[in-house]
Amino acid sequence: ANEPDRLLRSRTYFYPVAVIFSPFNINYHFEHHANFSVPWYSLPAYHKKAREIVPEALRPYYFHNQYLMQLAGQKPLPPANPPKREEDYEAEDALGGVPVTA
């Protein structure tokens, strides 16, 4: 909730009965936050394009399909090495090359 980057606050969920429990493609949450102007009926096509752009290592974090974890209400695990943001590099430079940890 404290993450300023809207893409890091959202995920897309896939489960067998998504059509029943997630009308209007609401399960494509990451894609919706990536581009609010995409209409609900175009989110599946937008998802296909997004999967090509998101690095392989981050896909399980953004595109969540672990059904049992979802049923238990657990969030997906964050990536082991999350990508650095511009401000991380700036902070490292200010600290003389010392890595910034969250």
PDB file of N, CA and C in Angstrom:
ATOM      1  N   ALA A   1       0.814  -1.196   0.000  1.00  0.00           N
ATOM      2  CA  ALA A   1       0.000   0.000   0.000  1.00  0.00           C
ATOM      3  C   ALA A   1       0.855   1.256   0.000  1.00  0.00           C
ATOM      4  N   ASN A   2       2.077   1.130   0.526  1.00  0.00           N
ATOM      5  CA  ASN A   2       2.961   2.287   0.574  1.00  0.00           C
ATOM      6  C   ASN A   2       3.820   2.421  -0.671  1.00  0.00           C
ATOM      7  N   GLU A   3       3.715   1.485  -1.591  1.00  0.00           N
ATOM      8  CA  GLU A   3       4.517   1.501  -2.815  1.00  0.00           C
ATOM      9  C   GLU A   3       4.000   2.601  -3.742  1.00  0.00           C
ATOM     10  N   PRO A   4       4.836   3.591  -4.101  1.00  0.00           N
ATOM     11  CA  PRO A   4       4.363   4.676  -4.964  1.00  0.00           C
ATOM     12  C   PRO A   4       4.124   4.254  -6.411  1.00  0.00           C
ATOM     13  N   ASP A   5       4.772   3.212  -6.869  1.00  0.00           N
ATOM     14  CA  ASP A   5       4.623   2.760  -8.255  1.00  0.00           C
ATOM     15  C   ASP A   5       3.363   1.904  -8.375  1.00  0.00           C
ATOM     16  N   ARG A   6       2.376   2.377  -9.131  1.00  0.00           N
ATOM     17  CA  ARG A   6       1.098   1.660  -9.225  1.00  0.00           C
ATOM     18  C   ARG A   6       1.254   0.263  -9.820  1.00  0.00           C
ATOM     19  N   LEU A   7       2.272   0.047 -10.643  1.00  0.00           N
ATOM     20  CA  LEU A   7       2.468  -1.274 -11.234  1.00  0.00           C
ATOM     21  C   LEU A   7       2.947  -2.282 -10.206  1.00  0.00           C
ATOM     22  N   LEU A   8       3.652  -1.827  -9.195  1.00  0.00           N
ATOM     23  CA  LEU A   8       4.127  -2.737  -8.160  1.00  0.00           C
ATOM     24  C   LEU A   8       3.067  -2.998  -7.096  1.00  0.00           C
ATOM     25  N   ARG A   9       1.938  -2.289  -7.163  1.00  0.00           N
ATOM     26  CA  ARG A   9       0.844  -2.497  -6.216  1.00  0.00           C
ATOM     27  C   ARG A   9      -0.258  -3.382  -6.778  1.00  0.00           C
ATOM     28  N   SER A  10      -0.141  -3.817  -8.002  1.00  0.00           N
ATOM     29  CA  SER A  10      -1.242  -4.560  -8.617  1.00  0.00           C
ATOM     30  C   SER A  10      -0.772  -5.888  -9.177  1.00  0.00           C
ATOM     31  N   ARG A  11      -1.714  -6.825  -9.300  1.00  0.00           N
ATOM     32  CA  ARG A  11      -1.431  -8.143  -9.837  1.00  0.00           C
ATOM     33  C   ARG A  11      -2.608  -8.608 -10.683  1.00  0.00           C
ATOM     34  N   THR A  12      -2.319  -9.517 -11.594  1.00  0.00           N
ATOM     35  CA  THR A  12      -3.372 -10.163 -12.366  1.00  0.00           C
ATOM     36  C   THR A  12      -3.543 -11.565 -11.813  1.00  0.00           C
ATOM     37  N   TYR A  13      -4.787 -11.951 -11.558  1.00  0.00           N
ATOM     38  CA  TYR A  13      -5.074 -13.254 -10.973  1.00  0.00           C
ATOM     39  C   TYR A  13      -5.769 -14.145 -11.990  1.00  0.00           C
ATOM     40  N   PHE A  14      -5.325 -15.399 -12.040  1.00  0.00           N
ATOM     41  CA  PHE A  14      -5.948 -16.384 -12.920  1.00  0.00           C
ATOM     42  C   PHE A  14      -6.408 -17.564 -12.081  1.00  0.00           C
ATOM     43  N   TYR A  15      -7.631 -17.955 -12.256  1.00  0.00           N
ATOM     44  CA  TYR A  15      -8.161 -19.127 -11.573  1.00  0.00           C
ATOM     45  C   TYR A  15      -9.244 -19.715 -12.465  1.00  0.00           C
ATOM     46  N   PRO A  16      -9.577 -20.983 -12.250  1.00  0.00           N
ATOM     47  CA  PRO A  16     -10.459 -21.693 -13.192  1.00  0.00           C
ATOM     48  C   PRO A  16     -11.812 -21.034 -13.457  1.00  0.00           C
ATOM     49  N   VAL A  17     -12.414 -20.431 -12.473  1.00  0.00           N
ATOM     50  CA  VAL A  17     -13.756 -19.859 -12.667  1.00  0.00           C
ATOM     51  C   VAL A  17     -13.710 -18.322 -12.677  1.00  0.00           C
ATOM     52  N   ALA A  18     -12.654 -17.772 -13.226  1.00  0.00           N
ATOM     53  CA  ALA A  18     -12.484 -16.315 -13.248  1.00  0.00           C
ATOM     54  C   ALA A  18     -13.635 -15.616 -13.955  1.00  0.00           C
ATOM     55  N   VAL A  19     -14.162 -16.239 -14.978  1.00  0.00           N
ATOM     56  CA  VAL A  19     -15.249 -15.622 -15.744  1.00  0.00           C
ATOM     57  C   VAL A  19     -16.486 -15.433 -14.868  1.00  0.00           C
ATOM     58  N   ILE A  20     -16.737 -16.384 -13.973  1.00  0.00           N
ATOM     59  CA  ILE A  20     -17.916 -16.313 -13.107  1.00  0.00           C
ATOM     60  C   ILE A  20     -17.714 -15.304 -11.977  1.00  0.00           C
ATOM     61  N   PHE A  21     -16.548 -15.379 -11.321  1.00  0.00           N
ATOM     62  CA  PHE A  21     -16.313 -14.556 -10.137  1.00  0.00           C
ATOM     63  C   PHE A  21     -15.647 -13.214 -10.431  1.00  0.00           C
ATOM     64  N   SER A  22     -15.217 -13.011 -11.637  1.00  0.00           N
ATOM     65  CA  SER A  22     -14.561 -11.746 -12.006  1.00  0.00           C
ATOM     66  C   SER A  22     -15.159 -11.195 -13.295  1.00  0.00           C
ATOM     67  N   PRO A  23     -16.374 -10.665 -13.227  1.00  0.00           N
ATOM     68  CA  PRO A  23     -16.975 -10.131 -14.451  1.00  0.00           C
ATOM     69  C   PRO A  23     -16.201  -8.921 -14.966  1.00  0.00           C
ATOM     70  N   PHE A  24     -16.359  -8.658 -16.225  1.00  0.00           N
ATOM     71  CA  PHE A  24     -15.722  -7.515 -16.888  1.00  0.00           C
ATOM     72  C   PHE A  24     -14.195  -7.571 -16.802  1.00  0.00           C
ATOM     73  N   ASN A  25     -13.654  -8.806 -16.769  1.00  0.00           N
ATOM     74  CA  ASN A  25     -12.196  -9.028 -16.759  1.00  0.00           C
ATOM     75  C   ASN A  25     -11.499  -8.317 -15.602  1.00  0.00           C
ATOM     76  N   ILE A  26     -12.169  -8.230 -14.463  1.00  0.00           N
ATOM     77  CA  ILE A  26     -11.593  -7.544 -13.307  1.00  0.00           C
ATOM     78  C   ILE A  26     -10.335  -8.249 -12.804  1.00  0.00           C
ATOM     79  N   ASN A  27     -10.152  -9.533 -13.143  1.00  0.00           N
ATOM     80  CA  ASN A  27      -8.951 -10.253 -12.711  1.00  0.00           C
ATOM     81  C   ASN A  27      -7.697  -9.759 -13.429  1.00  0.00           C
ATOM     82  N   TYR A  28      -7.850  -8.994 -14.508  1.00  0.00           N
ATOM     83  CA  TYR A  28      -6.698  -8.403 -15.204  1.00  0.00           C
ATOM     84  C   TYR A  28      -6.333  -7.076 -14.526  1.00  0.00           C
ATOM     85  N   HIS A  29      -6.031  -7.156 -13.257  1.00  0.00           N
ATOM     86  CA  HIS A  29      -5.813  -5.972 -12.435  1.00  0.00           C
ATOM     87  C   HIS A  29      -4.518  -5.240 -12.797  1.00  0.00           C
ATOM     88  N   PHE A  30      -3.440  -5.997 -13.030  1.00  0.00           N
ATOM     89  CA  PHE A  30      -2.153  -5.382 -13.387  1.00  0.00           C
ATOM     90  C   PHE A  30      -2.299  -4.582 -14.679  1.00  0.00           C
ATOM     91  N   GLU A  31      -2.950  -5.167 -15.666  1.00  0.00           N
ATOM     92  CA  GLU A  31      -3.116  -4.501 -16.959  1.00  0.00           C
ATOM     93  C   GLU A  31      -3.955  -3.233 -16.820  1.00  0.00           C
ATOM     94  N   HIS A  32      -4.975  -3.305 -15.976  1.00  0.00           N
ATOM     95  CA  HIS A  32      -5.825  -2.133 -15.745  1.00  0.00           C
ATOM     96  C   HIS A  32      -5.007  -0.989 -15.145  1.00  0.00           C
ATOM     97  N   HIS A  33      -4.150  -1.305 -14.181  1.00  0.00           N
ATOM     98  CA  HIS A  33      -3.335  -0.264 -13.553  1.00  0.00           C
ATOM     99  C   HIS A  33      -2.207   0.211 -14.461  1.00  0.00           C
ATOM    100  N   ALA A  34      -1.762  -0.647 -15.361  1.00  0.00           N
ATOM    101  CA  ALA A  34      -0.711  -0.254 -16.303  1.00  0.00           C
ATOM    102  C   ALA A  34      -1.230   0.785 -17.292  1.00  0.00           C
ATOM    103  N   ASN A  35      -2.505   0.648 -17.675  1.00  0.00           N
ATOM    104  CA  ASN A  35      -3.075   1.574 -18.651  1.00  0.00           C
ATOM    105  C   ASN A  35      -4.582   1.664 -18.422  1.00  0.00           C
ATOM    106  N   PHE A  36      -5.002   2.695 -17.709  1.00  0.00           N
ATOM    107  CA  PHE A  36      -6.417   2.857 -17.359  1.00  0.00           C
ATOM    108  C   PHE A  36      -7.324   3.056 -18.561  1.00  0.00           C
ATOM    109  N   SER A  37      -6.760   3.454 -19.684  1.00  0.00           N
ATOM    110  CA  SER A  37      -7.598   3.756 -20.844  1.00  0.00           C
ATOM    111  C   SER A  37      -8.003   2.516 -21.636  1.00  0.00           C
ATOM    112  N   VAL A  38      -7.464   1.351 -21.298  1.00  0.00           N
ATOM    113  CA  VAL A  38      -7.831   0.118 -22.009  1.00  0.00           C
ATOM    114  C   VAL A  38      -9.210  -0.322 -21.520  1.00  0.00           C
ATOM    115  N   PRO A  39     -10.189  -0.478 -22.414  1.00  0.00           N
ATOM    116  CA  PRO A  39     -11.519  -0.912 -21.986  1.00  0.00           C
ATOM    117  C   PRO A  39     -11.488  -2.352 -21.472  1.00  0.00           C
ATOM    118  N   TRP A  40     -12.434  -2.710 -20.604  1.00  0.00           N
ATOM    119  CA  TRP A  40     -12.432  -4.022 -19.954  1.00  0.00           C
ATOM    120  C   TRP A  40     -12.407  -5.159 -20.955  1.00  0.00           C
ATOM    121  N   TYR A  41     -13.067  -5.008 -22.090  1.00  0.00           N
ATOM    122  CA  TYR A  41     -13.136  -6.095 -23.068  1.00  0.00           C
ATOM    123  C   TYR A  41     -11.830  -6.265 -23.848  1.00  0.00           C
ATOM    124  N   SER A  42     -10.916  -5.309 -23.754  1.00  0.00           N
ATOM    125  CA  SER A  42      -9.614  -5.419 -24.427  1.00  0.00           C
ATOM    126  C   SER A  42      -8.490  -5.849 -23.484  1.00  0.00           C
ATOM    127  N   LEU A  43      -8.796  -6.037 -22.205  1.00  0.00           N
ATOM    128  CA  LEU A  43      -7.755  -6.399 -21.242  1.00  0.00           C
ATOM    129  C   LEU A  43      -7.073  -7.734 -21.548  1.00  0.00           C
ATOM    130  N   PRO A  44      -7.781  -8.791 -22.011  1.00  0.00           N
ATOM    131  CA  PRO A  44      -7.070 -10.036 -22.346  1.00  0.00           C
ATOM    132  C   PRO A  44      -6.019  -9.844 -23.446  1.00  0.00           C
ATOM    133  N   ALA A  45      -6.328  -9.073 -24.471  1.00  0.00           N
ATOM    134  CA  ALA A  45      -5.351  -8.822 -25.540  1.00  0.00           C
ATOM    135  C   ALA A  45      -4.198  -7.976 -25.013  1.00  0.00           C
ATOM    136  N   TYR A  46      -4.512  -7.018 -24.171  1.00  0.00           N
ATOM    137  CA  TYR A  46      -3.466  -6.182 -23.567  1.00  0.00           C
ATOM    138  C   TYR A  46      -2.556  -7.037 -22.682  1.00  0.00           C
ATOM    139  N   HIS A  47      -3.144  -8.019 -22.007  1.00  0.00           N
ATOM    140  CA  HIS A  47      -2.370  -8.936 -21.162  1.00  0.00           C
ATOM    141  C   HIS A  47      -1.333  -9.696 -21.989  1.00  0.00           C
ATOM    142  N   LYS A  48      -1.727 -10.176 -23.156  1.00  0.00           N
ATOM    143  CA  LYS A  48      -0.790 -10.920 -24.015  1.00  0.00           C
ATOM    144  C   LYS A  48       0.416 -10.056 -24.374  1.00  0.00           C
ATOM    145  N   LYS A  49       0.175  -8.793 -24.658  1.00  0.00           N
ATOM    146  CA  LYS A  49       1.278  -7.887 -24.980  1.00  0.00           C
ATOM    147  C   LYS A  49       2.126  -7.596 -23.740  1.00  0.00           C
ATOM    148  N   ALA A  50       1.482  -7.445 -22.592  1.00  0.00           N
ATOM    149  CA  ALA A  50       2.208  -7.150 -21.353  1.00  0.00           C
ATOM    150  C   ALA A  50       3.121  -8.302 -20.960  1.00  0.00           C
ATOM    151  N   ARG A  51       2.678  -9.540 -21.189  1.00  0.00           N
ATOM    152  CA  ARG A  51       3.518 -10.700 -20.840  1.00  0.00           C
ATOM    153  C   ARG A  51       4.816 -10.698 -21.635  1.00  0.00           C
ATOM    154  N   GLU A  52       4.798 -10.150 -22.830  1.00  0.00           N
ATOM    155  CA  GLU A  52       6.016 -10.082 -23.638  1.00  0.00           C
ATOM    156  C   GLU A  52       6.976  -9.014 -23.108  1.00  0.00           C
ATOM    157  N   ILE A  53       6.455  -7.994 -22.464  1.00  0.00           N
ATOM    158  CA  ILE A  53       7.268  -6.879 -21.988  1.00  0.00           C
ATOM    159  C   ILE A  53       7.835  -7.139 -20.592  1.00  0.00           C
ATOM    160  N   VAL A  54       7.026  -7.720 -19.714  1.00  0.00           N
ATOM    161  CA  VAL A  54       7.460  -7.967 -18.337  1.00  0.00           C
ATOM    162  C   VAL A  54       8.549  -9.038 -18.341  1.00  0.00           C
ATOM    163  N   PRO A  55       9.684  -8.784 -17.689  1.00  0.00           N
ATOM    164  CA  PRO A  55      10.762  -9.781 -17.655  1.00  0.00           C
ATOM    165  C   PRO A  55      10.298 -11.114 -17.073  1.00  0.00           C
ATOM    166  N   GLU A  56      10.832 -12.196 -17.593  1.00  0.00           N
ATOM    167  CA  GLU A  56      10.453 -13.556 -17.188  1.00  0.00           C
ATOM    168  C   GLU A  56      10.484 -13.733 -15.668  1.00  0.00           C
ATOM    169  N   ALA A  57      11.512 -13.223 -15.021  1.00  0.00           N
ATOM    170  CA  ALA A  57      11.655 -13.405 -13.575  1.00  0.00           C
ATOM    171  C   ALA A  57      10.549 -12.715 -12.781  1.00  0.00           C
ATOM    172  N   LEU A  58       9.940 -11.682 -13.345  1.00  0.00           N
ATOM    173  CA  LEU A  58       8.900 -10.937 -12.631  1.00  0.00           C
ATOM    174  C   LEU A  58       7.495 -11.407 -12.962  1.00  0.00           C
ATOM    175  N   ARG A  59       7.326 -12.232 -13.954  1.00  0.00           N
ATOM    176  CA  ARG A  59       5.977 -12.650 -14.364  1.00  0.00           C
ATOM    177  C   ARG A  59       5.183 -13.325 -13.249  1.00  0.00           C
ATOM    178  N   PRO A  60       5.777 -14.228 -12.454  1.00  0.00           N
ATOM    179  CA  PRO A  60       4.977 -14.830 -11.375  1.00  0.00           C
ATOM    180  C   PRO A  60       4.502 -13.801 -10.350  1.00  0.00           C
ATOM    181  N   TYR A  61       5.204 -12.701 -10.223  1.00  0.00           N
ATOM    182  CA  TYR A  61       4.831 -11.661  -9.270  1.00  0.00           C
ATOM    183  C   TYR A  61       3.635 -10.852  -9.772  1.00  0.00           C
ATOM    184  N   TYR A  62       3.618 -10.535 -11.049  1.00  0.00           N
ATOM    185  CA  TYR A  62       2.531  -9.742 -11.620  1.00  0.00           C
ATOM    186  C   TYR A  62       1.344 -10.578 -12.070  1.00  0.00           C
ATOM    187  N   PHE A  63       1.618 -11.774 -12.595  1.00  0.00           N
ATOM    188  CA  PHE A  63       0.560 -12.630 -13.141  1.00  0.00           C
ATOM    189  C   PHE A  63       0.450 -13.859 -12.248  1.00  0.00           C
ATOM    190  N   HIS A  64      -0.444 -13.805 -11.284  1.00  0.00           N
ATOM    191  CA  HIS A  64      -0.545 -14.779 -10.201  1.00  0.00           C
ATOM    192  C   HIS A  64      -1.515 -15.896 -10.575  1.00  0.00           C
ATOM    193  N   ASN A  65      -1.027 -17.147 -10.617  1.00  0.00           N
ATOM    194  CA  ASN A  65      -1.916 -18.266 -10.941  1.00  0.00           C
ATOM    195  C   ASN A  65      -1.793 -19.402  -9.937  1.00  0.00           C
ATOM    196  N   GLN A  66      -1.362 -19.111  -8.739  1.00  0.00           N
ATOM    197  CA  GLN A  66      -1.251 -20.130  -7.697  1.00  0.00           C
ATOM    198  C   GLN A  66      -2.582 -20.183  -6.953  1.00  0.00           C
ATOM    199  N   TYR A  67      -3.447 -21.071  -7.418  1.00  0.00           N
ATOM    200  CA  TYR A  67      -4.838 -21.106  -6.969  1.00  0.00           C
ATOM    201  C   TYR A  67      -4.996 -21.284  -5.462  1.00  0.00           C
ATOM    202  N   LEU A  68      -4.251 -22.208  -4.864  1.00  0.00           N
ATOM    203  CA  LEU A  68      -4.412 -22.458  -3.434  1.00  0.00           C
ATOM    204  C   LEU A  68      -4.007 -21.240  -2.607  1.00  0.00           C
ATOM    205  N   MET A  69      -2.961 -20.557  -3.032  1.00  0.00           N
ATOM    206  CA  MET A  69      -2.565 -19.337  -2.322  1.00  0.00           C
ATOM    207  C   MET A  69      -3.656 -18.276  -2.436  1.00  0.00           C
ATOM    208  N   GLN A  70      -4.282 -18.199  -3.603  1.00  0.00           N
ATOM    209  CA  GLN A  70      -5.349 -17.219  -3.797  1.00  0.00           C
ATOM    210  C   GLN A  70      -6.532 -17.539  -2.893  1.00  0.00           C
ATOM    211  N   LEU A  71      -6.915 -18.824  -2.835  1.00  0.00           N
ATOM    212  CA  LEU A  71      -8.046 -19.221  -2.000  1.00  0.00           C
ATOM    213  C   LEU A  71      -7.775 -18.949  -0.527  1.00  0.00           C
ATOM    214  N   ALA A  72      -6.516 -19.080  -0.126  1.00  0.00           N
ATOM    215  CA  ALA A  72      -6.139 -18.822   1.261  1.00  0.00           C
ATOM    216  C   ALA A  72      -5.988 -17.330   1.540  1.00  0.00           C
ATOM    217  N   GLY A  73      -6.112 -16.509   0.508  1.00  0.00           N
ATOM    218  CA  GLY A  73      -6.005 -15.069   0.671  1.00  0.00           C
ATOM    219  C   GLY A  73      -4.583 -14.560   0.754  1.00  0.00           C
ATOM    220  N   GLN A  74      -3.612 -15.401   0.361  1.00  0.00           N
ATOM    221  CA  GLN A  74      -2.211 -14.992   0.411  1.00  0.00           C
ATOM    222  C   GLN A  74      -1.825 -14.267  -0.866  1.00  0.00           C
ATOM    223  N   LYS A  75      -0.962 -13.292  -0.714  1.00  0.00           N
ATOM    224  CA  LYS A  75      -0.436 -12.575  -1.868  1.00  0.00           C
ATOM    225  C   LYS A  75       0.740 -13.358  -2.434  1.00  0.00           C
ATOM    226  N   PRO A  76       1.032 -13.187  -3.717  1.00  0.00           N
ATOM    227  CA  PRO A  76       2.194 -13.869  -4.292  1.00  0.00           C
ATOM    228  C   PRO A  76       3.482 -13.354  -3.667  1.00  0.00           C
ATOM    229  N   LEU A  77       4.495 -14.199  -3.684  1.00  0.00           N
ATOM    230  CA  LEU A  77       5.788 -13.805  -3.146  1.00  0.00           C
ATOM    231  C   LEU A  77       6.432 -12.765  -4.051  1.00  0.00           C
ATOM    232  N   PRO A  78       7.100 -11.778  -3.476  1.00  0.00           N
ATOM    233  CA  PRO A  78       7.786 -10.787  -4.310  1.00  0.00           C
ATOM    234  C   PRO A  78       8.991 -11.414  -4.993  1.00  0.00           C
ATOM    235  N   PRO A  79       9.456 -10.840  -6.076  1.00  0.00           N
ATOM    236  CA  PRO A  79      10.618 -11.398  -6.762  1.00  0.00           C
ATOM    237  C   PRO A  79      11.853 -11.326  -5.872  1.00  0.00           C
ATOM    238  N   ALA A  80      12.761 -12.274  -6.050  1.00  0.00           N
ATOM    239  CA  ALA A  80      13.974 -12.322  -5.234  1.00  0.00           C
ATOM    240  C   ALA A  80      14.832 -11.082  -5.443  1.00  0.00           C
ATOM    241  N   ASN A  81      14.945 -10.637  -6.661  1.00  0.00           N
ATOM    242  CA  ASN A  81      15.745  -9.455  -6.990  1.00  0.00           C
ATOM    243  C   ASN A  81      14.883  -8.459  -7.748  1.00  0.00           C
ATOM    244  N   PRO A  82      14.085  -7.656  -7.021  1.00  0.00           N
ATOM    245  CA  PRO A  82      13.206  -6.718  -7.724  1.00  0.00           C
ATOM    246  C   PRO A  82      14.013  -5.718  -8.536  1.00  0.00           C
ATOM    247  N   PRO A  83      13.444  -5.249  -9.626  1.00  0.00           N
ATOM    248  CA  PRO A  83      14.172  -4.295 -10.465  1.00  0.00           C
ATOM    249  C   PRO A  83      14.397  -2.985  -9.721  1.00  0.00           C
ATOM    250  N   LYS A  84      15.519  -2.362  -9.983  1.00  0.00           N
ATOM    251  CA  LYS A  84      15.812  -1.076  -9.354  1.00  0.00           C
ATOM    252  C   LYS A  84      15.084   0.030 -10.105  1.00  0.00           C
ATOM    253  N   ARG A  85      14.712   1.033  -9.346  1.00  0.00           N
ATOM    254  CA  ARG A  85      14.083   2.196  -9.940  1.00  0.00           C
ATOM    255  C   ARG A  85      15.109   3.317 -10.030  1.00  0.00           C
ATOM    256  N   GLU A  86      14.795   4.326 -10.778  1.00  0.00           N
ATOM    257  CA  GLU A  86      15.718   5.448 -10.995  1.00  0.00           C
ATOM    258  C   GLU A  86      16.192   6.050  -9.675  1.00  0.00           C
ATOM    259  N   GLU A  87      15.261   6.216  -8.727  1.00  0.00           N
ATOM    260  CA  GLU A  87      15.646   6.825  -7.453  1.00  0.00           C
ATOM    261  C   GLU A  87      16.591   5.928  -6.650  1.00  0.00           C
ATOM    262  N   ASP A  88      16.540   4.604  -6.873  1.00  0.00           N
ATOM    263  CA  ASP A  88      17.480   3.702  -6.205  1.00  0.00           C
ATOM    264  C   ASP A  88      18.900   3.974  -6.682  1.00  0.00           C
ATOM    265  N   TYR A  89      19.059   4.150  -8.001  1.00  0.00           N
ATOM    266  CA  TYR A  89      20.385   4.445  -8.545  1.00  0.00           C
ATOM    267  C   TYR A  89      20.886   5.799  -8.042  1.00  0.00           C
ATOM    268  N   GLU A  90      19.985   6.783  -7.986  1.00  0.00           N
ATOM    269  CA  GLU A  90      20.372   8.107  -7.500  1.00  0.00           C
ATOM    270  C   GLU A  90      20.805   8.039  -6.040  1.00  0.00           C
ATOM    271  N   ALA A  91      20.086   7.268  -5.229  1.00  0.00           N
ATOM    272  CA  ALA A  91      20.435   7.122  -3.816  1.00  0.00           C
ATOM    273  C   ALA A  91      21.778   6.419  -3.661  1.00  0.00           C
ATOM    274  N   GLU A  92      22.035   5.398  -4.493  1.00  0.00           N
ATOM    275  CA  GLU A  92      23.330   4.709  -4.453  1.00  0.00           C
ATOM    276  C   GLU A  92      24.456   5.674  -4.779  1.00  0.00           C
ATOM    277  N   ASP A  93      24.256   6.506  -5.795  1.00  0.00           N
ATOM    278  CA  ASP A  93      25.281   7.485  -6.165  1.00  0.00           C
ATOM    279  C   ASP A  93      25.542   8.452  -5.011  1.00  0.00           C
ATOM    280  N   ALA A  94      24.472   8.873  -4.341  1.00  0.00           N
ATOM    281  CA  ALA A  94      24.614   9.803  -3.222  1.00  0.00           C
ATOM    282  C   ALA A  94      25.351   9.157  -2.053  1.00  0.00           C
ATOM    283  N   LEU A  95      25.234   7.837  -1.929  1.00  0.00           N
ATOM    284  CA  LEU A  95      25.894   7.118  -0.842  1.00  0.00           C
ATOM    285  C   LEU A  95      27.259   6.586  -1.249  1.00  0.00           C
ATOM    286  N   GLY A  96      27.754   6.990  -2.392  1.00  0.00           N
ATOM    287  CA  GLY A  96      29.068   6.542  -2.834  1.00  0.00           C
ATOM    288  C   GLY A  96      29.085   5.112  -3.332  1.00  0.00           C
ATOM    289  N   GLY A  97      27.994   4.663  -3.934  1.00  0.00           N
ATOM    290  CA  GLY A  97      27.943   3.319  -4.513  1.00  0.00           C
ATOM    291  C   GLY A  97      27.444   2.245  -3.569  1.00  0.00           C
ATOM    292  N   VAL A  98      27.029   2.618  -2.354  1.00  0.00           N
ATOM    293  CA  VAL A  98      26.494   1.640  -1.406  1.00  0.00           C
ATOM    294  C   VAL A  98      25.069   1.312  -1.823  1.00  0.00           C
ATOM    295  N   PRO A  99      24.744   0.012  -2.033  1.00  0.00           N
ATOM    296  CA  PRO A  99      23.389  -0.348  -2.467  1.00  0.00           C
ATOM    297  C   PRO A  99      22.327   0.082  -1.460  1.00  0.00           C
ATOM    298  N   VAL A 100      21.201   0.496  -1.980  1.00  0.00           N
ATOM    299  CA  VAL A 100      20.070   0.893  -1.153  1.00  0.00           C
ATOM    300  C   VAL A 100      19.184  -0.323  -0.958  1.00  0.00           C
ATOM    301  N   THR A 101      18.797  -0.599   0.269  1.00  0.00           N
ATOM    302  CA  THR A 101      17.896  -1.721   0.543  1.00  0.00           C
ATOM    303  C   THR A 101      16.611  -1.185   1.118  1.00  0.00           C
ATOM    304  N   ALA A 102      15.522  -1.865   0.776  1.00  0.00           N
ATOM    305  CA  ALA A 102      14.209  -1.410   1.242  1.00  0.00           C
ATOM    306  C   ALA A 102      13.931  -1.918   2.632  1.00  0.00           C
TER     307      ALA A 102
END
